[in-house]
């Protein structure tokens, strides 16, 4: 197989498949109070290069221009993110805690959201070693990361940033091992079936033992399968609670597979920092306020 050649910025967007996102799987966005957040910054998602589609869910370009600091809270998710932003250049592992970004000034940057289970071929260690921490990009990608960083800082267009991060990942990629594919399929199974609420149900769907699923997740996803299932439930809950008319909490707990409403409330509060009712009230209050900052593009 001949190595892939770096692609020019002019060629990048011509090969994008615009239909890709219409068939995208259930992917937790993680952005809390998303309607308000979109008045503070613009977020644009792009498919990766064809050579990376087994590894990367999408690239995300973020821009903001704010006179006052905005704190944006993001729910933890299962993806590894490779990011290039001023003060936030790094490889961020899957997390178990709410993440807070402080946005101020005029800034742009790009991140690659790696498909859960698919970063192991880029990393010389189990993905669990990245859980709840970040590593310098050069620690994982070597000197090529500094070149990519300079290209992204000097980029005038999204296409130029996409070219830089695509070429960095393409140069480092390796063939996908069977175990990596199995881990990605396991997460896809959770994403495709909201009815899976227990590890035993996931193991049965995969035809594996519970212990085998746990080992697979530790090595390739970086979290336990129990936490992976919980992440999808809590992201779905946050999305529904932020709707103009929040759902009935007892009904929502049942829909998400919780045995009772108090269990759901404890889980939600532990991760978001607020019980469902308070979160819903806050979301409605923020939506009714006067937005400032940049207008959303998408």
C-alpha atoms as a PDB file:
ATOM      1  CA  UNK A   1       0.000   0.000   0.000  1.00  0.00           C
ATOM      2  CA  UNK A   2       1.404   3.391  -0.999  1.00  0.00           C
ATOM      3  CA  UNK A   3       1.476   5.990   1.794  1.00  0.00           C
ATOM      4  CA  UNK A   4      -1.150   8.698   1.570  1.00  0.00           C
ATOM      5  CA  UNK A   5       0.092  12.041   0.277  1.00  0.00           C
ATOM      6  CA  UNK A   6      -0.649  15.264   2.149  1.00  0.00           C
ATOM      7  CA  UNK A   7      -3.551  17.085   0.524  1.00  0.00           C
ATOM      8  CA  UNK A   8      -3.796  20.745  -0.341  1.00  0.00           C
ATOM      9  CA  UNK A   9      -6.327  23.002   1.361  1.00  0.00           C
ATOM     10  CA  UNK A  10      -7.994  23.584  -1.997  1.00  0.00           C
ATOM     11  CA  UNK A  11      -8.689  19.871  -2.350  1.00  0.00           C
ATOM     12  CA  UNK A  12      -9.969  19.232   1.152  1.00  0.00           C
ATOM     13  CA  UNK A  13     -13.572  20.340   0.986  1.00  0.00           C
ATOM     14  CA  UNK A  14     -14.086  18.962  -2.522  1.00  0.00           C
ATOM     15  CA  UNK A  15     -13.936  15.397  -1.223  1.00  0.00           C
ATOM     16  CA  UNK A  16     -16.331  15.936   1.685  1.00  0.00           C
ATOM     17  CA  UNK A  17     -19.379  13.739   1.653  1.00  0.00           C
ATOM     18  CA  UNK A  18     -22.195  16.087   2.668  1.00  0.00           C
ATOM     19  CA  UNK A  19     -24.577  13.186   3.249  1.00  0.00           C
ATOM     20  CA  UNK A  20     -22.389  11.648   5.931  1.00  0.00           C
ATOM     21  CA  UNK A  21     -24.092  13.389   8.853  1.00  0.00           C
ATOM     22  CA  UNK A  22     -27.614  12.444   7.756  1.00  0.00           C
ATOM     23  CA  UNK A  23     -26.798   8.843   8.663  1.00  0.00           C
ATOM     24  CA  UNK A  24     -24.602   9.570  11.674  1.00  0.00           C
ATOM     25  CA  UNK A  25     -25.037   7.406  14.721  1.00  0.00           C
ATOM     26  CA  UNK A  26     -26.266   8.669  18.083  1.00  0.00           C
ATOM     27  CA  UNK A  27     -23.270  10.764  19.203  1.00  0.00           C
ATOM     28  CA  UNK A  28     -23.509  12.668  22.497  1.00  0.00           C
ATOM     29  CA  UNK A  29     -22.753  16.352  21.842  1.00  0.00           C
ATOM     30  CA  UNK A  30     -22.152  16.931  25.547  1.00  0.00           C
ATOM     31  CA  UNK A  31     -22.781  20.685  25.301  1.00  0.00           C
ATOM     32  CA  UNK A  32     -24.957  21.753  28.214  1.00  0.00           C
ATOM     33  CA  UNK A  33     -27.565  24.449  27.614  1.00  0.00           C
ATOM     34  CA  UNK A  34     -26.817  24.163  23.911  1.00  0.00           C
ATOM     35  CA  UNK A  35     -29.270  26.825  22.729  1.00  0.00           C
ATOM     36  CA  UNK A  36     -27.568  29.448  24.872  1.00  0.00           C
ATOM     37  CA  UNK A  37     -24.108  28.121  24.016  1.00  0.00           C
ATOM     38  CA  UNK A  38     -24.744  28.715  20.334  1.00  0.00           C
ATOM     39  CA  UNK A  39     -25.147  32.431  20.979  1.00  0.00           C
ATOM     40  CA  UNK A  40     -21.615  32.512  22.398  1.00  0.00           C
ATOM     41  CA  UNK A  41     -19.637  30.646  19.745  1.00  0.00           C
ATOM     42  CA  UNK A  42     -19.914  29.013  16.349  1.00  0.00           C
ATOM     43  CA  UNK A  43     -19.343  25.281  16.063  1.00  0.00           C
ATOM     44  CA  UNK A  44     -18.950  23.677  12.644  1.00  0.00           C
ATOM     45  CA  UNK A  45     -18.401  19.953  12.154  1.00  0.00           C
ATOM     46  CA  UNK A  46     -16.615  18.443   9.155  1.00  0.00           C
ATOM     47  CA  UNK A  47     -16.111  14.827   8.077  1.00  0.00           C
ATOM     48  CA  UNK A  48     -12.501  13.633   8.166  1.00  0.00           C
ATOM     49  CA  UNK A  49     -10.484  12.576   5.129  1.00  0.00           C
ATOM     50  CA  UNK A  50     -11.631   9.237   3.648  1.00  0.00           C
ATOM     51  CA  UNK A  51      -8.472   7.560   4.976  1.00  0.00           C
ATOM     52  CA  UNK A  52      -9.501   8.457   8.533  1.00  0.00           C
ATOM     53  CA  UNK A  53     -13.182   7.592   8.585  1.00  0.00           C
ATOM     54  CA  UNK A  54     -12.559   4.340  10.448  1.00  0.00           C
ATOM     55  CA  UNK A  55     -10.878   6.382  13.194  1.00  0.00           C
ATOM     56  CA  UNK A  56     -12.429   9.855  13.344  1.00  0.00           C
ATOM     57  CA  UNK A  57     -16.087  10.762  13.900  1.00  0.00           C
ATOM     58  CA  UNK A  58     -15.629  14.346  12.795  1.00  0.00           C
ATOM     59  CA  UNK A  59     -13.504  17.447  13.079  1.00  0.00           C
ATOM     60  CA  UNK A  60     -14.965  20.401  14.921  1.00  0.00           C
ATOM     61  CA  UNK A  61     -13.993  24.005  14.308  1.00  0.00           C
ATOM     62  CA  UNK A  62     -14.792  26.442  17.094  1.00  0.00           C
ATOM     63  CA  UNK A  63     -14.731  30.236  16.871  1.00  0.00           C
ATOM     64  CA  UNK A  64     -15.760  32.890  19.371  1.00  0.00           C
ATOM     65  CA  UNK A  65     -15.462  36.642  19.712  1.00  0.00           C
ATOM     66  CA  UNK A  66     -16.510  37.692  23.211  1.00  0.00           C
ATOM     67  CA  UNK A  67     -15.966  40.830  25.271  1.00  0.00           C
ATOM     68  CA  UNK A  68     -16.945  39.007  28.472  1.00  0.00           C
ATOM     69  CA  UNK A  69     -15.851  35.572  29.663  1.00  0.00           C
ATOM     70  CA  UNK A  70     -18.310  32.748  29.091  1.00  0.00           C
ATOM     71  CA  UNK A  71     -18.062  29.467  31.002  1.00  0.00           C
ATOM     72  CA  UNK A  72     -19.209  26.562  28.862  1.00  0.00           C
ATOM     73  CA  UNK A  73     -19.902  23.237  30.566  1.00  0.00           C
ATOM     74  CA  UNK A  74     -19.519  20.010  28.606  1.00  0.00           C
ATOM     75  CA  UNK A  75     -20.633  16.574  29.729  1.00  0.00           C
ATOM     76  CA  UNK A  76     -17.980  13.860  29.736  1.00  0.00           C
ATOM     77  CA  UNK A  77     -17.939  11.588  26.704  1.00  0.00           C
ATOM     78  CA  UNK A  78     -16.154   8.480  25.473  1.00  0.00           C
ATOM     79  CA  UNK A  79     -14.113  10.069  22.695  1.00  0.00           C
ATOM     80  CA  UNK A  80     -10.463  11.007  22.674  1.00  0.00           C
ATOM     81  CA  UNK A  81     -10.099  14.564  21.338  1.00  0.00           C
ATOM     82  CA  UNK A  82      -6.989  15.913  19.603  1.00  0.00           C
ATOM     83  CA  UNK A  83      -7.232  19.699  19.915  1.00  0.00           C
ATOM     84  CA  UNK A  84      -5.355  22.772  18.730  1.00  0.00           C
ATOM     85  CA  UNK A  85      -6.467  25.903  20.597  1.00  0.00           C
ATOM     86  CA  UNK A  86      -4.481  28.628  22.358  1.00  0.00           C
ATOM     87  CA  UNK A  87      -3.865  27.270  25.845  1.00  0.00           C
ATOM     88  CA  UNK A  88      -5.634  23.991  25.048  1.00  0.00           C
ATOM     89  CA  UNK A  89      -3.386  22.077  22.688  1.00  0.00           C
ATOM     90  CA  UNK A  90      -3.496  18.437  23.701  1.00  0.00           C
ATOM     91  CA  UNK A  91      -4.826  14.904  23.485  1.00  0.00           C
ATOM     92  CA  UNK A  92      -7.773  14.695  25.876  1.00  0.00           C
ATOM     93  CA  UNK A  93      -8.842  11.271  27.090  1.00  0.00           C
ATOM     94  CA  UNK A  94     -12.336  10.039  27.962  1.00  0.00           C
ATOM     95  CA  UNK A  95     -13.604  11.734  31.097  1.00  0.00           C
ATOM     96  CA  UNK A  96     -15.808  10.997  34.101  1.00  0.00           C
ATOM     97  CA  UNK A  97     -16.366  14.583  35.186  1.00  0.00           C
ATOM     98  CA  UNK A  98     -18.006  17.710  33.829  1.00  0.00           C
ATOM     99  CA  UNK A  99     -15.538  19.790  31.826  1.00  0.00           C
ATOM    100  CA  UNK A 100     -15.616  23.601  31.919  1.00  0.00           C
ATOM    101  CA  UNK A 101     -14.186  25.785  29.130  1.00  0.00           C
ATOM    102  CA  UNK A 102     -13.592  29.486  29.798  1.00  0.00           C
ATOM    103  CA  UNK A 103     -14.083  31.395  26.556  1.00  0.00           C
ATOM    104  CA  UNK A 104     -12.959  34.997  26.098  1.00  0.00           C
ATOM    105  CA  UNK A 105     -11.446  37.208  23.429  1.00  0.00           C
ATOM    106  CA  UNK A 106     -11.300  36.303  19.757  1.00  0.00           C
ATOM    107  CA  UNK A 107     -10.170  32.726  19.170  1.00  0.00           C
ATOM    108  CA  UNK A 108     -10.378  29.949  16.593  1.00  0.00           C
ATOM    109  CA  UNK A 109      -9.148  26.369  16.617  1.00  0.00           C
ATOM    110  CA  UNK A 110      -9.885  22.809  15.622  1.00  0.00           C
ATOM    111  CA  UNK A 111     -10.302  19.428  17.262  1.00  0.00           C
ATOM    112  CA  UNK A 112     -10.586  15.875  15.980  1.00  0.00           C
ATOM    113  CA  UNK A 113     -13.150  13.725  17.748  1.00  0.00           C
ATOM    114  CA  UNK A 114     -11.867  10.151  17.625  1.00  0.00           C
ATOM    115  CA  UNK A 115     -14.420   7.346  17.440  1.00  0.00           C
ATOM    116  CA  UNK A 116     -14.637   5.684  20.872  1.00  0.00           C
ATOM    117  CA  UNK A 117     -12.436   2.606  20.864  1.00  0.00           C
ATOM    118  CA  UNK A 118     -10.318   3.755  17.905  1.00  0.00           C
ATOM    119  CA  UNK A 119      -7.438   5.723  19.433  1.00  0.00           C
ATOM    120  CA  UNK A 120      -5.437   2.692  20.568  1.00  0.00           C
ATOM    121  CA  UNK A 121      -3.562   2.387  17.206  1.00  0.00           C
ATOM    122  CA  UNK A 122      -2.256   5.956  17.681  1.00  0.00           C
ATOM    123  CA  UNK A 123      -1.190   5.376  21.289  1.00  0.00           C
ATOM    124  CA  UNK A 124       1.614   3.193  22.613  1.00  0.00           C
ATOM    125  CA  UNK A 125      -0.412   2.300  25.704  1.00  0.00           C
ATOM    126  CA  UNK A 126      -3.956   1.269  26.695  1.00  0.00           C
ATOM    127  CA  UNK A 127      -6.451   4.109  26.321  1.00  0.00           C
ATOM    128  CA  UNK A 128      -7.292   3.828  30.029  1.00  0.00           C
ATOM    129  CA  UNK A 129      -3.935   5.589  30.641  1.00  0.00           C
ATOM    130  CA  UNK A 130      -5.503   8.728  29.131  1.00  0.00           C
ATOM    131  CA  UNK A 131      -8.712   8.581  31.160  1.00  0.00           C
ATOM    132  CA  UNK A 132      -9.470  11.849  32.985  1.00  0.00           C
ATOM    133  CA  UNK A 133      -6.284  13.524  31.805  1.00  0.00           C
ATOM    134  CA  UNK A 134      -4.679  15.125  28.790  1.00  0.00           C
ATOM    135  CA  UNK A 135      -1.304  14.640  27.142  1.00  0.00           C
ATOM    136  CA  UNK A 136       0.726  17.107  25.095  1.00  0.00           C
ATOM    137  CA  UNK A 137       0.128  16.531  21.391  1.00  0.00           C
ATOM    138  CA  UNK A 138       3.862  16.140  20.834  1.00  0.00           C
ATOM    139  CA  UNK A 139       3.901  13.366  23.464  1.00  0.00           C
ATOM    140  CA  UNK A 140       1.700  11.259  21.196  1.00  0.00           C
ATOM    141  CA  UNK A 141       2.456  12.561  17.690  1.00  0.00           C
ATOM    142  CA  UNK A 142       6.042  13.771  18.034  1.00  0.00           C
ATOM    143  CA  UNK A 143       7.560  16.807  16.273  1.00  0.00           C
ATOM    144  CA  UNK A 144       4.907  16.672  13.513  1.00  0.00           C
ATOM    145  CA  UNK A 145       2.404  18.053  16.058  1.00  0.00           C
ATOM    146  CA  UNK A 146       4.337  21.320  16.312  1.00  0.00           C
ATOM    147  CA  UNK A 147       4.216  21.704  12.536  1.00  0.00           C
ATOM    148  CA  UNK A 148       0.462  21.065  12.538  1.00  0.00           C
ATOM    149  CA  UNK A 149       0.015  23.569  15.371  1.00  0.00           C
ATOM    150  CA  UNK A 150       1.802  26.311  13.453  1.00  0.00           C
ATOM    151  CA  UNK A 151      -0.258  25.607  10.325  1.00  0.00           C
ATOM    152  CA  UNK A 152      -3.494  25.797  12.317  1.00  0.00           C
ATOM    153  CA  UNK A 153      -2.513  29.037  14.082  1.00  0.00           C
ATOM    154  CA  UNK A 154      -1.716  30.651  10.735  1.00  0.00           C
ATOM    155  CA  UNK A 155      -4.733  29.207   8.913  1.00  0.00           C
ATOM    156  CA  UNK A 156      -7.068  31.632   7.201  1.00  0.00           C
ATOM    157  CA  UNK A 157      -9.801  29.111   6.413  1.00  0.00           C
ATOM    158  CA  UNK A 158     -11.406  26.025   7.918  1.00  0.00           C
ATOM    159  CA  UNK A 159     -10.057  24.001   4.989  1.00  0.00           C
ATOM    160  CA  UNK A 160      -6.468  24.851   5.910  1.00  0.00           C
ATOM    161  CA  UNK A 161      -7.001  23.755   9.503  1.00  0.00           C
ATOM    162  CA  UNK A 162      -8.657  20.532   8.356  1.00  0.00           C
ATOM    163  CA  UNK A 163      -5.732  19.788   6.049  1.00  0.00           C
ATOM    164  CA  UNK A 164      -3.243  20.211   8.884  1.00  0.00           C
ATOM    165  CA  UNK A 165      -5.024  17.943  11.360  1.00  0.00           C
ATOM    166  CA  UNK A 166      -5.918  15.348   8.707  1.00  0.00           C
ATOM    167  CA  UNK A 167      -2.314  15.061   7.564  1.00  0.00           C
ATOM    168  CA  UNK A 168      -1.075  14.754  11.152  1.00  0.00           C
ATOM    169  CA  UNK A 169      -3.432  11.842  11.821  1.00  0.00           C
ATOM    170  CA  UNK A 170      -2.847  10.182   8.432  1.00  0.00           C
ATOM    171  CA  UNK A 171       0.905  10.144   9.013  1.00  0.00           C
ATOM    172  CA  UNK A 172       0.442   8.392  12.363  1.00  0.00           C
ATOM    173  CA  UNK A 173      -2.354   5.950  11.497  1.00  0.00           C
ATOM    174  CA  UNK A 174      -1.831   2.203  11.482  1.00  0.00           C
ATOM    175  CA  UNK A 175      -3.986  -0.722  10.362  1.00  0.00           C
ATOM    176  CA  UNK A 176      -6.941  -1.229  12.681  1.00  0.00           C
ATOM    177  CA  UNK A 177      -6.492  -4.357  14.833  1.00  0.00           C
ATOM    178  CA  UNK A 178      -9.390  -6.738  15.253  1.00  0.00           C
ATOM    179  CA  UNK A 179      -9.748  -5.822  18.930  1.00  0.00           C
ATOM    180  CA  UNK A 180     -10.031  -2.112  18.052  1.00  0.00           C
ATOM    181  CA  UNK A 181     -12.838  -2.862  15.610  1.00  0.00           C
ATOM    182  CA  UNK A 182     -14.544  -4.959  18.266  1.00  0.00           C
ATOM    183  CA  UNK A 183     -14.342  -2.105  20.780  1.00  0.00           C
ATOM    184  CA  UNK A 184     -15.727   0.387  18.272  1.00  0.00           C
ATOM    185  CA  UNK A 185     -18.540  -2.028  17.424  1.00  0.00           C
ATOM    186  CA  UNK A 186     -19.343  -2.401  21.116  1.00  0.00           C
ATOM    187  CA  UNK A 187     -19.792   1.354  21.516  1.00  0.00           C
ATOM    188  CA  UNK A 188     -21.780   1.477  18.274  1.00  0.00           C
ATOM    189  CA  UNK A 189     -24.076  -1.167  19.732  1.00  0.00           C
ATOM    190  CA  UNK A 190     -24.795   1.077  22.723  1.00  0.00           C
ATOM    191  CA  UNK A 191     -25.283   4.079  20.449  1.00  0.00           C
ATOM    192  CA  UNK A 192     -27.685   2.235  18.160  1.00  0.00           C
ATOM    193  CA  UNK A 193     -29.850   0.705  20.877  1.00  0.00           C
ATOM    194  CA  UNK A 194     -31.114   2.960  23.705  1.00  0.00           C
ATOM    195  CA  UNK A 195     -32.714  -0.159  25.153  1.00  0.00           C
ATOM    196  CA  UNK A 196     -29.308  -1.432  26.312  1.00  0.00           C
ATOM    197  CA  UNK A 197     -29.063  -0.207  29.895  1.00  0.00           C
ATOM    198  CA  UNK A 198     -27.017  -3.008  31.526  1.00  0.00           C
ATOM    199  CA  UNK A 199     -23.559  -4.454  30.834  1.00  0.00           C
ATOM    200  CA  UNK A 200     -25.046  -7.953  30.752  1.00  0.00           C
ATOM    201  CA  UNK A 201     -27.361  -6.833  27.929  1.00  0.00           C
ATOM    202  CA  UNK A 202     -24.418  -5.402  26.012  1.00  0.00           C
ATOM    203  CA  UNK A 203     -22.380  -8.575  26.489  1.00  0.00           C
ATOM    204  CA  UNK A 204     -25.269 -10.685  25.228  1.00  0.00           C
ATOM    205  CA  UNK A 205     -25.675  -8.464  22.165  1.00  0.00           C
ATOM    206  CA  UNK A 206     -21.956  -8.810  21.389  1.00  0.00           C
ATOM    207  CA  UNK A 207     -21.784 -12.536  22.106  1.00  0.00           C
ATOM    208  CA  UNK A 208     -19.074 -11.998  24.733  1.00  0.00           C
ATOM    209  CA  UNK A 209     -18.730 -12.572  28.456  1.00  0.00           C
ATOM    210  CA  UNK A 210     -19.094  -9.599  30.778  1.00  0.00           C
ATOM    211  CA  UNK A 211     -15.430  -9.905  31.726  1.00  0.00           C
ATOM    212  CA  UNK A 212     -14.347  -9.877  28.074  1.00  0.00           C
ATOM    213  CA  UNK A 213     -16.364  -6.705  27.466  1.00  0.00           C
ATOM    214  CA  UNK A 214     -14.778  -5.071  30.517  1.00  0.00           C
ATOM    215  CA  UNK A 215     -11.258  -5.900  29.278  1.00  0.00           C
ATOM    216  CA  UNK A 216     -12.076  -4.631  25.797  1.00  0.00           C
ATOM    217  CA  UNK A 217     -13.294  -1.289  27.136  1.00  0.00           C
ATOM    218  CA  UNK A 218     -10.325  -0.822  29.483  1.00  0.00           C
ATOM    219  CA  UNK A 219      -7.806  -1.361  26.675  1.00  0.00           C
ATOM    220  CA  UNK A 220      -9.498   0.453  23.798  1.00  0.00           C
ATOM    221  CA  UNK A 221     -12.212   2.796  25.117  1.00  0.00           C
ATOM    222  CA  UNK A 222     -10.600   3.881  28.372  1.00  0.00           C
ATOM    223  CA  UNK A 223     -13.705   3.536  30.558  1.00  0.00           C
ATOM    224  CA  UNK A 224     -15.853   0.728  31.898  1.00  0.00           C
ATOM    225  CA  UNK A 225     -18.792  -0.458  29.772  1.00  0.00           C
ATOM    226  CA  UNK A 226     -21.108   0.534  32.630  1.00  0.00           C
ATOM    227  CA  UNK A 227     -19.887   4.122  32.386  1.00  0.00           C
ATOM    228  CA  UNK A 228     -20.240   4.076  28.587  1.00  0.00           C
ATOM    229  CA  UNK A 229     -23.911   3.137  28.860  1.00  0.00           C
ATOM    230  CA  UNK A 230     -24.416   5.804  31.518  1.00  0.00           C
ATOM    231  CA  UNK A 231     -22.836   8.505  29.326  1.00  0.00           C
ATOM    232  CA  UNK A 232     -25.362   7.941  26.559  1.00  0.00           C
ATOM    233  CA  UNK A 233     -28.241   8.027  29.026  1.00  0.00           C
ATOM    234  CA  UNK A 234     -27.135  11.259  30.705  1.00  0.00           C
ATOM    235  CA  UNK A 235     -26.428  13.067  27.433  1.00  0.00           C
ATOM    236  CA  UNK A 236     -29.893  12.118  26.225  1.00  0.00           C
ATOM    237  CA  UNK A 237     -31.387  13.321  29.502  1.00  0.00           C
ATOM    238  CA  UNK A 238     -29.620  16.692  29.275  1.00  0.00           C
ATOM    239  CA  UNK A 239     -30.868  17.191  25.719  1.00  0.00           C
ATOM    240  CA  UNK A 240     -34.479  16.432  26.645  1.00  0.00           C
ATOM    241  CA  UNK A 241     -34.417  18.506  29.836  1.00  0.00           C
ATOM    242  CA  UNK A 242     -33.192  21.552  27.903  1.00  0.00           C
ATOM    243  CA  UNK A 243     -36.219  21.417  25.581  1.00  0.00           C
ATOM    244  CA  UNK A 244     -38.756  24.274  25.869  1.00  0.00           C
ATOM    245  CA  UNK A 245     -41.156  21.835  27.548  1.00  0.00           C
ATOM    246  CA  UNK A 246     -39.184  19.430  29.759  1.00  0.00           C
ATOM    247  CA  UNK A 247     -40.442  15.838  30.006  1.00  0.00           C
ATOM    248  CA  UNK A 248     -41.963  14.248  33.069  1.00  0.00           C
ATOM    249  CA  UNK A 249     -39.014  13.199  35.257  1.00  0.00           C
ATOM    250  CA  UNK A 250     -40.436   9.847  36.313  1.00  0.00           C
ATOM    251  CA  UNK A 251     -41.264   8.982  32.702  1.00  0.00           C
ATOM    252  CA  UNK A 252     -37.798  10.083  31.570  1.00  0.00           C
ATOM    253  CA  UNK A 253     -36.128   7.922  34.223  1.00  0.00           C
ATOM    254  CA  UNK A 254     -38.085   4.910  33.002  1.00  0.00           C
ATOM    255  CA  UNK A 255     -37.286   5.626  29.345  1.00  0.00           C
ATOM    256  CA  UNK A 256     -33.591   5.790  30.176  1.00  0.00           C
ATOM    257  CA  UNK A 257     -33.659   2.444  31.961  1.00  0.00           C
ATOM    258  CA  UNK A 258     -33.422   3.593  35.573  1.00  0.00           C
ATOM    259  CA  UNK A 259     -35.157   1.460  38.157  1.00  0.00           C
ATOM    260  CA  UNK A 260     -36.555   4.533  39.914  1.00  0.00           C
ATOM    261  CA  UNK A 261     -36.609   8.315  39.698  1.00  0.00           C
ATOM    262  CA  UNK A 262     -34.304   8.979  42.710  1.00  0.00           C
ATOM    263  CA  UNK A 263     -31.547   6.876  41.102  1.00  0.00           C
ATOM    264  CA  UNK A 264     -31.813   8.942  37.905  1.00  0.00           C
ATOM    265  CA  UNK A 265     -31.758  12.224  39.847  1.00  0.00           C
ATOM    266  CA  UNK A 266     -28.616  11.169  41.770  1.00  0.00           C
ATOM    267  CA  UNK A 267     -26.831  10.111  38.579  1.00  0.00           C
ATOM    268  CA  UNK A 268     -27.725  13.301  36.729  1.00  0.00           C
ATOM    269  CA  UNK A 269     -26.729  15.587  39.602  1.00  0.00           C
ATOM    270  CA  UNK A 270     -23.449  13.733  40.168  1.00  0.00           C
ATOM    271  CA  UNK A 271     -22.284  14.424  36.599  1.00  0.00           C
ATOM    272  CA  UNK A 272     -23.868  17.805  35.788  1.00  0.00           C
ATOM    273  CA  UNK A 273     -23.718  19.379  39.237  1.00  0.00           C
ATOM    274  CA  UNK A 274     -27.474  20.044  39.335  1.00  0.00           C
ATOM    275  CA  UNK A 275     -30.593  17.866  39.741  1.00  0.00           C
ATOM    276  CA  UNK A 276     -32.829  17.551  36.640  1.00  0.00           C
ATOM    277  CA  UNK A 277     -35.428  20.126  37.784  1.00  0.00           C
ATOM    278  CA  UNK A 278     -32.801  22.772  38.530  1.00  0.00           C
ATOM    279  CA  UNK A 279     -31.004  22.049  35.255  1.00  0.00           C
ATOM    280  CA  UNK A 280     -34.248  22.407  33.273  1.00  0.00           C
ATOM    281  CA  UNK A 281     -35.115  25.698  35.015  1.00  0.00           C
ATOM    282  CA  UNK A 282     -31.642  27.058  34.328  1.00  0.00           C
ATOM    283  CA  UNK A 283     -31.837  26.083  30.657  1.00  0.00           C
ATOM    284  CA  UNK A 284     -35.197  27.839  30.221  1.00  0.00           C
ATOM    285  CA  UNK A 285     -33.975  30.927  32.069  1.00  0.00           C
ATOM    286  CA  UNK A 286     -30.879  31.197  29.890  1.00  0.00           C
ATOM    287  CA  UNK A 287     -32.937  30.707  26.729  1.00  0.00           C
ATOM    288  CA  UNK A 288     -35.222  33.582  27.704  1.00  0.00           C
ATOM    289  CA  UNK A 289     -32.326  35.981  28.307  1.00  0.00           C
ATOM    290  CA  UNK A 290     -30.885  38.388  25.787  1.00  0.00           C
ATOM    291  CA  UNK A 291     -28.030  36.642  23.943  1.00  0.00           C
ATOM    292  CA  UNK A 292     -24.759  38.338  23.177  1.00  0.00           C
ATOM    293  CA  UNK A 293     -21.589  37.338  21.417  1.00  0.00           C
ATOM    294  CA  UNK A 294     -21.290  35.590  18.089  1.00  0.00           C
ATOM    295  CA  UNK A 295     -24.293  34.275  16.199  1.00  0.00           C
ATOM    296  CA  UNK A 296     -24.334  30.576  15.333  1.00  0.00           C
ATOM    297  CA  UNK A 297     -23.571  29.523  11.782  1.00  0.00           C
ATOM    298  CA  UNK A 298     -25.217  26.120  11.941  1.00  0.00           C
END
